[in-house]
Amino acid sequence: MSSGRDRGMSDDKGGTPGERPEADQPRPAGQDDPERTASDPPGSHSDGSDPAGGADPPRPTGRQRLAAGLWPPRMTRAQLIVALLLFVLGLGLAIQVRSTSSDNGVLRGARQEDLVRILTELDNRSQRLQDEKRGLDSQRSELETSSDRAAEALRQTRQKDLELGVLAGTVAAQGPGITLTIRDPHGGVQADSLLDTLQELRAAGAEAIQINDVRVVADTYFTDGTGGVLIDGHKVSQPYAFKVIGNPPDLEPALNIPGGVVQTLEKEQATADVVRSQKIVVDALRSPKQPDYARSSQ
């Protein structure tokens, strides 16, 4: 009786005497733990811990590595100096380009015939300089080849004295040129406008100039006086008549260039009439003036 009851009790426990339950039996090598998921890496527990000593940090992506390399910027002192120099150079070039563009604004808006006229004037100036150079070379050759160098030197000296007398205003002069008459009914023309006109004529090759009854020389000055303009201290009334000796094809275009004398006077509600002539007489004279400080070095 006791033996049968013992067997029944052993059957109720799910196994024969001496056998372990399935949960307590060891698993074969290589068999996975049923509690471990497929995403767990080999050699790690199901809770994410690494049995060797902790979880591995996540690897950065390519974009993250690029951002880390670019920011924050790492610049050496030499690179900073080079960057500063390049900035200053670029700023200077920008200012130069802007200044050049503003200076050429008048010519950019000029008509084709005005541009041709300006180029012709520049060519004429270059031709005058070449002629002067050839004249000086000829004088030197004559001095070197003349049998009587003293007489040749005296002749050239007298001729040079007459030329300098024309420039100094001590002798009268005549030759081809133009007559410029400026009428200013509204009184808008002042001394600076007449000075700009004189400078433009000189740049165009004027050799002798007379304004009304005043001979214009190198030290001529203009001032604004009561009721008119003063030239070298002499009051000059309207109309202002310029007698100019020079090459007429050079002088007249110089006054009519875009933004030149004629357009400037028209803005002041004045008129400027230019007449060419093959004979202009400049007979206003100035007395010779002895310089106070300058002496000849010869």
C-alpha atoms as a PDB file:
ATOM      1  CA  MET A   1       0.000   0.000   0.000  1.00  0.00           C
ATOM      2  CA  SER A   2       2.655   2.422   0.888  1.00  0.00           C
ATOM      3  CA  SER A   3       4.596   1.685  -2.237  1.00  0.00           C
ATOM      4  CA  GLY A   4       1.684   2.415  -4.544  1.00  0.00           C
ATOM      5  CA  ARG A   5       0.975   5.700  -2.805  1.00  0.00           C
ATOM      6  CA  ASP A   6       4.589   6.709  -3.188  1.00  0.00           C
ATOM      7  CA  ARG A   7       4.525   6.025  -6.905  1.00  0.00           C
ATOM      8  CA  GLY A   8       1.408   8.096  -7.345  1.00  0.00           C
ATOM      9  CA  MET A   9       2.989  11.027  -5.584  1.00  0.00           C
ATOM     10  CA  SER A  10       6.050  10.792  -7.772  1.00  0.00           C
ATOM     11  CA  ASP A  11       3.876  10.810 -10.938  1.00  0.00           C
ATOM     12  CA  ASP A  12       2.075  13.911  -9.761  1.00  0.00           C
ATOM     13  CA  LYS A  13       5.352  15.861  -9.561  1.00  0.00           C
ATOM     14  CA  GLY A  14       5.937  15.393 -13.306  1.00  0.00           C
ATOM     15  CA  GLY A  15       8.840  13.001 -13.418  1.00  0.00           C
ATOM     16  CA  THR A  16      10.473  10.017 -12.114  1.00  0.00           C
ATOM     17  CA  PRO A  17      12.404  10.166  -8.950  1.00  0.00           C
ATOM     18  CA  GLY A  18      15.934  11.443  -9.463  1.00  0.00           C
ATOM     19  CA  GLU A  19      15.092  13.722 -12.506  1.00  0.00           C
ATOM     20  CA  ARG A  20      15.340  17.597 -12.462  1.00  0.00           C
ATOM     21  CA  PRO A  21      12.586  19.867 -13.692  1.00  0.00           C
ATOM     22  CA  GLU A  22      13.071  21.274 -17.205  1.00  0.00           C
ATOM     23  CA  ALA A  23      13.765  24.797 -15.873  1.00  0.00           C
ATOM     24  CA  ASP A  24      16.568  23.534 -13.689  1.00  0.00           C
ATOM     25  CA  GLN A  25      18.316  21.449 -16.339  1.00  0.00           C
ATOM     26  CA  PRO A  26      21.442  22.953 -18.010  1.00  0.00           C
ATOM     27  CA  ARG A  27      21.067  24.088 -21.677  1.00  0.00           C
ATOM     28  CA  PRO A  28      23.306  22.847 -24.409  1.00  0.00           C
ATOM     29  CA  ALA A  29      26.099  25.022 -25.660  1.00  0.00           C
ATOM     30  CA  GLY A  30      25.028  27.451 -28.403  1.00  0.00           C
ATOM     31  CA  GLN A  31      21.329  27.408 -27.531  1.00  0.00           C
ATOM     32  CA  ASP A  32      19.865  30.933 -27.182  1.00  0.00           C
ATOM     33  CA  ASP A  33      18.299  32.216 -24.055  1.00  0.00           C
ATOM     34  CA  PRO A  34      14.555  32.449 -24.657  1.00  0.00           C
ATOM     35  CA  GLU A  35      14.457  35.710 -22.692  1.00  0.00           C
ATOM     36  CA  ARG A  36      17.007  37.425 -25.006  1.00  0.00           C
ATOM     37  CA  THR A  37      15.634  39.271 -27.992  1.00  0.00           C
ATOM     38  CA  ALA A  38      16.995  39.173 -31.538  1.00  0.00           C
ATOM     39  CA  SER A  39      18.196  42.780 -31.307  1.00  0.00           C
ATOM     40  CA  ASP A  40      20.525  42.136 -28.367  1.00  0.00           C
ATOM     41  CA  PRO A  41      24.137  41.770 -29.497  1.00  0.00           C
ATOM     42  CA  PRO A  42      25.928  38.577 -28.660  1.00  0.00           C
ATOM     43  CA  GLY A  43      27.620  38.609 -25.272  1.00  0.00           C
ATOM     44  CA  SER A  44      25.232  41.164 -23.750  1.00  0.00           C
ATOM     45  CA  HIS A  45      22.386  40.808 -21.357  1.00  0.00           C
ATOM     46  CA  SER A  46      18.803  41.545 -22.171  1.00  0.00           C
ATOM     47  CA  ASP A  47      18.851  44.746 -20.110  1.00  0.00           C
ATOM     48  CA  GLY A  48      21.476  46.325 -22.488  1.00  0.00           C
ATOM     49  CA  SER A  49      24.427  46.040 -20.151  1.00  0.00           C
ATOM     50  CA  ASP A  50      27.765  44.870 -21.445  1.00  0.00           C
ATOM     51  CA  PRO A  51      29.209  42.058 -19.391  1.00  0.00           C
ATOM     52  CA  ALA A  52      32.692  43.328 -20.263  1.00  0.00           C
ATOM     53  CA  GLY A  53      32.168  46.650 -18.532  1.00  0.00           C
ATOM     54  CA  GLY A  54      29.403  48.960 -19.896  1.00  0.00           C
ATOM     55  CA  ALA A  55      27.440  49.913 -23.059  1.00  0.00           C
ATOM     56  CA  ASP A  56      29.295  51.170 -26.218  1.00  0.00           C
ATOM     57  CA  PRO A  57      28.612  54.880 -27.150  1.00  0.00           C
ATOM     58  CA  PRO A  58      26.756  55.431 -30.464  1.00  0.00           C
ATOM     59  CA  ARG A  59      29.009  56.126 -33.459  1.00  0.00           C
ATOM     60  CA  PRO A  60      28.568  59.685 -34.994  1.00  0.00           C
ATOM     61  CA  THR A  61      27.242  60.033 -38.516  1.00  0.00           C
ATOM     62  CA  GLY A  62      29.159  61.627 -41.413  1.00  0.00           C
ATOM     63  CA  ARG A  63      27.191  64.883 -41.133  1.00  0.00           C
ATOM     64  CA  GLN A  64      27.945  65.119 -37.444  1.00  0.00           C
ATOM     65  CA  ARG A  65      31.669  64.580 -38.072  1.00  0.00           C
ATOM     66  CA  LEU A  66      31.646  67.312 -40.772  1.00  0.00           C
ATOM     67  CA  ALA A  67      29.877  69.775 -38.465  1.00  0.00           C
ATOM     68  CA  ALA A  68      32.324  69.014 -35.680  1.00  0.00           C
ATOM     69  CA  GLY A  69      35.235  69.706 -38.028  1.00  0.00           C
ATOM     70  CA  LEU A  70      33.852  73.053 -39.230  1.00  0.00           C
ATOM     71  CA  TRP A  71      32.553  74.532 -35.983  1.00  0.00           C
ATOM     72  CA  PRO A  72      33.925  75.990 -33.851  1.00  0.00           C
ATOM     73  CA  PRO A  73      36.482  77.329 -36.382  1.00  0.00           C
ATOM     74  CA  ARG A  74      40.071  76.666 -35.544  1.00  0.00           C
ATOM     75  CA  MET A  75      42.295  79.429 -37.037  1.00  0.00           C
ATOM     76  CA  THR A  76      45.933  80.066 -36.429  1.00  0.00           C
ATOM     77  CA  ARG A  77      47.372  83.523 -36.077  1.00  0.00           C
ATOM     78  CA  ALA A  78      48.894  83.385 -39.573  1.00  0.00           C
ATOM     79  CA  GLN A  79      45.558  82.449 -41.132  1.00  0.00           C
ATOM     80  CA  LEU A  80      43.848  85.319 -39.320  1.00  0.00           C
ATOM     81  CA  ILE A  81      46.428  87.831 -40.637  1.00  0.00           C
ATOM     82  CA  VAL A  82      46.063  86.508 -44.206  1.00  0.00           C
ATOM     83  CA  ALA A  83      42.270  86.781 -43.984  1.00  0.00           C
ATOM     84  CA  LEU A  84      42.546  90.383 -42.746  1.00  0.00           C
ATOM     85  CA  LEU A  85      44.916  91.325 -45.575  1.00  0.00           C
ATOM     86  CA  LEU A  86      42.614  89.784 -48.174  1.00  0.00           C
ATOM     87  CA  PHE A  87      39.674  91.738 -46.753  1.00  0.00           C
ATOM     88  CA  VAL A  88      41.588  95.023 -46.937  1.00  0.00           C
ATOM     89  CA  LEU A  89      42.698  94.238 -50.513  1.00  0.00           C
ATOM     90  CA  GLY A  90      39.145  93.448 -51.604  1.00  0.00           C
ATOM     91  CA  LEU A  91      37.843  96.647 -50.004  1.00  0.00           C
ATOM     92  CA  GLY A  92      40.472  98.718 -51.803  1.00  0.00           C
ATOM     93  CA  LEU A  93      39.634  97.133 -55.158  1.00  0.00           C
ATOM     94  CA  ALA A  94      35.921  97.787 -54.622  1.00  0.00           C
ATOM     95  CA  ILE A  95      36.581 101.461 -53.826  1.00  0.00           C
ATOM     96  CA  GLN A  96      38.831 101.796 -56.880  1.00  0.00           C
ATOM     97  CA  VAL A  97      36.245 100.251 -59.206  1.00  0.00           C
ATOM     98  CA  ARG A  98      33.515 102.486 -57.810  1.00  0.00           C
ATOM     99  CA  SER A  99      35.667 105.612 -58.183  1.00  0.00           C
ATOM    100  CA  THR A 100      36.565 104.696 -61.762  1.00  0.00           C
ATOM    101  CA  SER A 101      32.928 104.068 -62.612  1.00  0.00           C
ATOM    102  CA  SER A 102      31.871 107.462 -61.231  1.00  0.00           C
ATOM    103  CA  ASP A 103      34.664 109.274 -63.106  1.00  0.00           C
ATOM    104  CA  ASN A 104      33.668 107.668 -66.398  1.00  0.00           C
ATOM    105  CA  GLY A 105      29.969 108.381 -65.920  1.00  0.00           C
ATOM    106  CA  VAL A 106      30.038 111.469 -68.163  1.00  0.00           C
ATOM    107  CA  LEU A 107      31.887 109.713 -70.984  1.00  0.00           C
ATOM    108  CA  ARG A 108      29.668 106.639 -70.716  1.00  0.00           C
ATOM    109  CA  GLY A 109      26.612 108.750 -71.465  1.00  0.00           C
ATOM    110  CA  ALA A 110      28.263 110.795 -74.231  1.00  0.00           C
ATOM    111  CA  ARG A 111      27.266 110.592 -77.850  1.00  0.00           C
ATOM    112  CA  GLN A 112      29.441 108.934 -80.456  1.00  0.00           C
ATOM    113  CA  GLU A 113      30.404 112.197 -82.137  1.00  0.00           C
ATOM    114  CA  ASP A 114      31.439 113.651 -78.746  1.00  0.00           C
ATOM    115  CA  LEU A 115      33.686 110.653 -78.074  1.00  0.00           C
ATOM    116  CA  VAL A 116      35.247 111.016 -81.523  1.00  0.00           C
ATOM    117  CA  ARG A 117      35.857 114.697 -80.788  1.00  0.00           C
ATOM    118  CA  ILE A 118      37.571 113.897 -77.483  1.00  0.00           C
ATOM    119  CA  LEU A 119      39.805 111.303 -79.126  1.00  0.00           C
ATOM    120  CA  THR A 120      40.700 113.782 -81.856  1.00  0.00           C
ATOM    121  CA  GLU A 121      41.665 116.365 -79.240  1.00  0.00           C
ATOM    122  CA  LEU A 122      43.902 113.860 -77.458  1.00  0.00           C
ATOM    123  CA  ASP A 123      45.572 112.960 -80.751  1.00  0.00           C
ATOM    124  CA  ASN A 124      46.179 116.640 -81.482  1.00  0.00           C
ATOM    125  CA  ARG A 125      47.778 117.156 -78.083  1.00  0.00           C
ATOM    126  CA  SER A 126      50.060 114.219 -78.692  1.00  0.00           C
ATOM    127  CA  GLN A 127      50.952 115.629 -82.110  1.00  0.00           C
ATOM    128  CA  ARG A 128      51.835 119.018 -80.598  1.00  0.00           C
ATOM    129  CA  LEU A 129      54.163 117.378 -78.117  1.00  0.00           C
ATOM    130  CA  GLN A 130      55.837 115.405 -80.898  1.00  0.00           C
ATOM    131  CA  ASP A 131      56.300 118.605 -82.947  1.00  0.00           C
ATOM    132  CA  GLU A 132      57.846 120.356 -79.964  1.00  0.00           C
ATOM    133  CA  LYS A 133      60.211 117.453 -79.434  1.00  0.00           C
ATOM    134  CA  ARG A 134      61.273 117.519 -83.096  1.00  0.00           C
ATOM    135  CA  GLY A 135      61.863 121.286 -82.871  1.00  0.00           C
ATOM    136  CA  LEU A 136      64.143 120.891 -79.862  1.00  0.00           C
ATOM    137  CA  ASP A 137      66.018 118.066 -81.560  1.00  0.00           C
ATOM    138  CA  SER A 138      66.477 120.269 -84.633  1.00  0.00           C
ATOM    139  CA  GLN A 139      67.891 123.110 -82.555  1.00  0.00           C
ATOM    140  CA  ARG A 140      70.353 120.773 -80.915  1.00  0.00           C
ATOM    141  CA  SER A 141      71.452 119.424 -84.298  1.00  0.00           C
ATOM    142  CA  GLU A 142      71.954 122.938 -85.657  1.00  0.00           C
ATOM    143  CA  LEU A 143      74.113 123.854 -82.684  1.00  0.00           C
ATOM    144  CA  GLU A 144      76.190 120.702 -83.078  1.00  0.00           C
ATOM    145  CA  THR A 145      76.704 121.014 -86.859  1.00  0.00           C
ATOM    146  CA  SER A 146      76.988 124.816 -87.295  1.00  0.00           C
ATOM    147  CA  SER A 147      80.403 126.161 -88.244  1.00  0.00           C
ATOM    148  CA  ASP A 148      79.827 129.291 -86.162  1.00  0.00           C
ATOM    149  CA  ARG A 149      78.249 127.926 -83.033  1.00  0.00           C
ATOM    150  CA  ALA A 150      78.337 131.279 -81.231  1.00  0.00           C
ATOM    151  CA  ALA A 151      76.310 133.033 -83.954  1.00  0.00           C
ATOM    152  CA  GLU A 152      73.824 130.169 -84.134  1.00  0.00           C
ATOM    153  CA  ALA A 153      73.430 130.156 -80.370  1.00  0.00           C
ATOM    154  CA  LEU A 154      72.809 133.930 -80.403  1.00  0.00           C
ATOM    155  CA  ARG A 155      70.132 133.566 -83.108  1.00  0.00           C
ATOM    156  CA  GLN A 156      68.330 130.839 -81.213  1.00  0.00           C
ATOM    157  CA  THR A 157      68.570 132.846 -77.996  1.00  0.00           C
ATOM    158  CA  ARG A 158      66.898 135.879 -79.595  1.00  0.00           C
ATOM    159  CA  GLN A 159      64.165 133.689 -81.060  1.00  0.00           C
ATOM    160  CA  LYS A 160      63.639 132.061 -77.670  1.00  0.00           C
ATOM    161  CA  ASP A 161      63.445 135.510 -76.081  1.00  0.00           C
ATOM    162  CA  LEU A 162      60.572 136.453 -78.383  1.00  0.00           C
ATOM    163  CA  GLU A 163      58.774 133.195 -77.596  1.00  0.00           C
ATOM    164  CA  LEU A 164      59.183 133.751 -73.884  1.00  0.00           C
ATOM    165  CA  GLY A 165      58.003 137.340 -74.311  1.00  0.00           C
ATOM    166  CA  VAL A 166      54.755 136.035 -75.804  1.00  0.00           C
ATOM    167  CA  LEU A 167      54.273 133.694 -72.861  1.00  0.00           C
ATOM    168  CA  ALA A 168      55.174 136.417 -70.357  1.00  0.00           C
ATOM    169  CA  GLY A 169      52.864 138.933 -72.041  1.00  0.00           C
ATOM    170  CA  THR A 170      55.598 141.513 -72.680  1.00  0.00           C
ATOM    171  CA  VAL A 171      55.258 141.449 -76.486  1.00  0.00           C
ATOM    172  CA  ALA A 172      52.219 141.394 -78.776  1.00  0.00           C
ATOM    173  CA  ALA A 173      51.296 138.249 -80.635  1.00  0.00           C
ATOM    174  CA  GLN A 174      49.162 137.272 -83.592  1.00  0.00           C
ATOM    175  CA  GLY A 175      48.137 134.033 -85.257  1.00  0.00           C
ATOM    176  CA  PRO A 176      45.209 131.683 -85.843  1.00  0.00           C
ATOM    177  CA  GLY A 177      42.815 130.998 -83.030  1.00  0.00           C
ATOM    178  CA  ILE A 178      39.316 131.621 -81.712  1.00  0.00           C
ATOM    179  CA  THR A 179      37.253 134.333 -80.085  1.00  0.00           C
ATOM    180  CA  LEU A 180      35.087 133.211 -77.164  1.00  0.00           C
ATOM    181  CA  THR A 181      32.364 135.608 -76.023  1.00  0.00           C
ATOM    182  CA  ILE A 182      30.519 134.855 -72.759  1.00  0.00           C
ATOM    183  CA  ARG A 183      27.301 136.757 -72.022  1.00  0.00           C
ATOM    184  CA  ASP A 184      25.807 136.466 -68.567  1.00  0.00           C
ATOM    185  CA  PRO A 185      22.531 138.423 -68.258  1.00  0.00           C
ATOM    186  CA  HIS A 186      21.623 136.791 -64.914  1.00  0.00           C
ATOM    187  CA  GLY A 187      24.998 137.305 -63.230  1.00  0.00           C
ATOM    188  CA  GLY A 188      25.588 133.604 -62.549  1.00  0.00           C
ATOM    189  CA  VAL A 189      29.125 133.451 -63.967  1.00  0.00           C
ATOM    190  CA  GLN A 190      31.726 133.953 -61.267  1.00  0.00           C
ATOM    191  CA  ALA A 191      35.488 133.931 -61.056  1.00  0.00           C
ATOM    192  CA  ASP A 192      35.795 130.142 -60.783  1.00  0.00           C
ATOM    193  CA  SER A 193      33.854 129.680 -64.049  1.00  0.00           C
ATOM    194  CA  LEU A 194      36.233 131.999 -65.918  1.00  0.00           C
ATOM    195  CA  LEU A 195      39.205 130.226 -64.378  1.00  0.00           C
ATOM    196  CA  ASP A 196      37.898 126.833 -65.524  1.00  0.00           C
ATOM    197  CA  THR A 197      37.485 128.246 -69.034  1.00  0.00           C
ATOM    198  CA  LEU A 198      41.066 129.505 -69.023  1.00  0.00           C
ATOM    199  CA  GLN A 199      42.423 126.157 -67.819  1.00  0.00           C
ATOM    200  CA  GLU A 200      40.495 124.288 -70.505  1.00  0.00           C
ATOM    201  CA  LEU A 201      41.927 126.560 -73.204  1.00  0.00           C
ATOM    202  CA  ARG A 202      45.456 126.101 -71.887  1.00  0.00           C
ATOM    203  CA  ALA A 203      45.031 122.337 -71.845  1.00  0.00           C
ATOM    204  CA  ALA A 204      43.876 122.502 -75.489  1.00  0.00           C
ATOM    205  CA  GLY A 205      47.105 124.249 -76.553  1.00  0.00           C
ATOM    206  CA  ALA A 206      46.390 127.987 -76.224  1.00  0.00           C
ATOM    207  CA  GLU A 207      49.633 129.962 -76.555  1.00  0.00           C
ATOM    208  CA  ALA A 208      48.441 133.535 -75.929  1.00  0.00           C
ATOM    209  CA  ILE A 209      45.215 134.672 -74.241  1.00  0.00           C
ATOM    210  CA  GLN A 210      43.651 138.051 -73.635  1.00  0.00           C
ATOM    211  CA  ILE A 211      40.385 138.620 -71.711  1.00  0.00           C
ATOM    212  CA  ASN A 212      38.898 142.013 -72.599  1.00  0.00           C
ATOM    213  CA  ASP A 213      41.877 144.322 -71.946  1.00  0.00           C
ATOM    214  CA  VAL A 214      43.853 142.074 -69.597  1.00  0.00           C
ATOM    215  CA  ARG A 215      46.715 139.877 -70.817  1.00  0.00           C
ATOM    216  CA  VAL A 216      46.615 136.435 -69.241  1.00  0.00           C
ATOM    217  CA  VAL A 217      49.941 134.974 -68.103  1.00  0.00           C
ATOM    218  CA  ALA A 218      51.088 132.185 -65.822  1.00  0.00           C
ATOM    219  CA  ASP A 219      50.421 134.049 -62.558  1.00  0.00           C
ATOM    220  CA  THR A 220      47.031 135.514 -63.540  1.00  0.00           C
ATOM    221  CA  TYR A 221      44.411 135.224 -60.802  1.00  0.00           C
ATOM    222  CA  PHE A 222      40.622 135.685 -60.642  1.00  0.00           C
ATOM    223  CA  THR A 223      38.573 137.069 -57.768  1.00  0.00           C
ATOM    224  CA  ASP A 224      34.913 137.943 -57.253  1.00  0.00           C
ATOM    225  CA  GLY A 225      34.403 141.653 -56.697  1.00  0.00           C
ATOM    226  CA  THR A 226      31.469 143.982 -56.178  1.00  0.00           C
ATOM    227  CA  GLY A 227      29.476 144.045 -59.391  1.00  0.00           C
ATOM    228  CA  GLY A 228      31.837 141.856 -61.416  1.00  0.00           C
ATOM    229  CA  VAL A 229      34.955 139.736 -61.679  1.00  0.00           C
ATOM    230  CA  LEU A 230      38.484 140.988 -61.019  1.00  0.00           C
ATOM    231  CA  ILE A 231      41.377 139.674 -63.144  1.00  0.00           C
ATOM    232  CA  ASP A 232      44.774 140.513 -61.665  1.00  0.00           C
ATOM    233  CA  GLY A 233      43.000 143.229 -59.688  1.00  0.00           C
ATOM    234  CA  HIS A 234      41.385 144.822 -62.761  1.00  0.00           C
ATOM    235  CA  LYS A 235      37.598 144.847 -62.953  1.00  0.00           C
ATOM    236  CA  VAL A 236      36.280 143.134 -66.066  1.00  0.00           C
ATOM    237  CA  SER A 237      32.716 143.759 -67.170  1.00  0.00           C
ATOM    238  CA  GLN A 238      30.426 141.754 -69.413  1.00  0.00           C
ATOM    239  CA  PRO A 239      30.542 140.409 -72.016  1.00  0.00           C
ATOM    240  CA  TYR A 240      33.737 138.481 -71.336  1.00  0.00           C
ATOM    241  CA  ALA A 241      35.709 138.337 -74.595  1.00  0.00           C
ATOM    242  CA  PHE A 242      38.508 135.757 -74.811  1.00  0.00           C
ATOM    243  CA  LYS A 243      41.038 136.250 -77.616  1.00  0.00           C
ATOM    244  CA  VAL A 244      42.932 132.998 -77.894  1.00  0.00           C
ATOM    245  CA  ILE A 245      45.823 132.131 -80.226  1.00  0.00           C
ATOM    246  CA  GLY A 246      46.224 128.453 -80.976  1.00  0.00           C
ATOM    247  CA  ASN A 247      45.054 125.719 -83.295  1.00  0.00           C
ATOM    248  CA  PRO A 248      41.306 126.324 -83.874  1.00  0.00           C
ATOM    249  CA  PRO A 249      40.445 122.626 -84.484  1.00  0.00           C
ATOM    250  CA  ASP A 250      41.859 121.893 -81.031  1.00  0.00           C
ATOM    251  CA  LEU A 251      40.478 124.873 -79.130  1.00  0.00           C
ATOM    252  CA  GLU A 252      36.823 124.789 -80.171  1.00  0.00           C
ATOM    253  CA  PRO A 253      36.165 121.054 -79.485  1.00  0.00           C
ATOM    254  CA  ALA A 254      37.780 121.414 -76.061  1.00  0.00           C
ATOM    255  CA  LEU A 255      35.073 123.886 -75.062  1.00  0.00           C
ATOM    256  CA  ASN A 256      32.206 121.745 -76.372  1.00  0.00           C
ATOM    257  CA  ILE A 257      33.044 118.360 -74.828  1.00  0.00           C
ATOM    258  CA  PRO A 258      30.305 116.771 -72.654  1.00  0.00           C
ATOM    259  CA  GLY A 259      30.390 118.371 -69.226  1.00  0.00           C
ATOM    260  CA  GLY A 260      32.804 121.012 -70.492  1.00  0.00           C
ATOM    261  CA  VAL A 261      32.843 124.788 -70.450  1.00  0.00           C
ATOM    262  CA  VAL A 262      29.861 125.438 -72.722  1.00  0.00           C
ATOM    263  CA  GLN A 263      27.533 123.050 -70.880  1.00  0.00           C
ATOM    264  CA  THR A 264      28.636 124.422 -67.520  1.00  0.00           C
ATOM    265  CA  LEU A 265      27.933 127.996 -68.602  1.00  0.00           C
ATOM    266  CA  GLU A 266      24.540 126.992 -69.963  1.00  0.00           C
ATOM    267  CA  LYS A 267      23.635 125.641 -66.531  1.00  0.00           C
ATOM    268  CA  GLU A 268      24.362 129.150 -65.185  1.00  0.00           C
ATOM    269  CA  GLN A 269      21.972 130.555 -67.849  1.00  0.00           C
ATOM    270  CA  ALA A 270      24.877 132.096 -69.719  1.00  0.00           C
ATOM    271  CA  THR A 271      25.750 131.815 -73.400  1.00  0.00           C
ATOM    272  CA  ALA A 272      29.115 131.077 -75.020  1.00  0.00           C
ATOM    273  CA  ASP A 273      29.799 131.894 -78.674  1.00  0.00           C
ATOM    274  CA  VAL A 274      32.921 130.522 -80.346  1.00  0.00           C
ATOM    275  CA  VAL A 275      34.202 131.948 -83.649  1.00  0.00           C
ATOM    276  CA  ARG A 276      37.253 130.609 -85.480  1.00  0.00           C
ATOM    277  CA  SER A 277      39.663 132.978 -87.183  1.00  0.00           C
ATOM    278  CA  GLN A 278      42.947 132.744 -89.039  1.00  0.00           C
ATOM    279  CA  LYS A 279      44.219 135.962 -87.469  1.00  0.00           C
ATOM    280  CA  ILE A 280      43.764 136.767 -83.804  1.00  0.00           C
ATOM    281  CA  VAL A 281      45.686 139.753 -82.426  1.00  0.00           C
ATOM    282  CA  VAL A 282      46.617 139.731 -78.738  1.00  0.00           C
ATOM    283  CA  ASP A 283      48.002 143.200 -78.079  1.00  0.00           C
ATOM    284  CA  ALA A 284      47.401 143.742 -74.342  1.00  0.00           C
ATOM    285  CA  LEU A 285      50.817 143.913 -72.678  1.00  0.00           C
ATOM    286  CA  ARG A 286      52.209 143.472 -69.210  1.00  0.00           C
ATOM    287  CA  SER A 287      55.250 145.187 -67.861  1.00  0.00           C
ATOM    288  CA  PRO A 288      58.210 142.934 -67.082  1.00  0.00           C
ATOM    289  CA  LYS A 289      58.293 141.926 -63.461  1.00  0.00           C
ATOM    290  CA  GLN A 290      61.504 141.245 -61.651  1.00  0.00           C
ATOM    291  CA  PRO A 291      61.123 138.228 -59.354  1.00  0.00           C
ATOM    292  CA  ASP A 292      61.704 138.934 -55.694  1.00  0.00           C
ATOM    293  CA  TYR A 293      63.498 135.695 -54.795  1.00  0.00           C
ATOM    294  CA  ALA A 294      64.227 133.669 -57.943  1.00  0.00           C
ATOM    295  CA  ARG A 295      67.606 134.309 -59.584  1.00  0.00           C
ATOM    296  CA  SER A 296      69.251 132.707 -62.573  1.00  0.00           C
ATOM    297  CA  SER A 297      71.541 129.836 -61.698  1.00  0.00           C
ATOM    298  CA  GLN A 298      73.888 130.662 -64.640  1.00  0.00           C
END
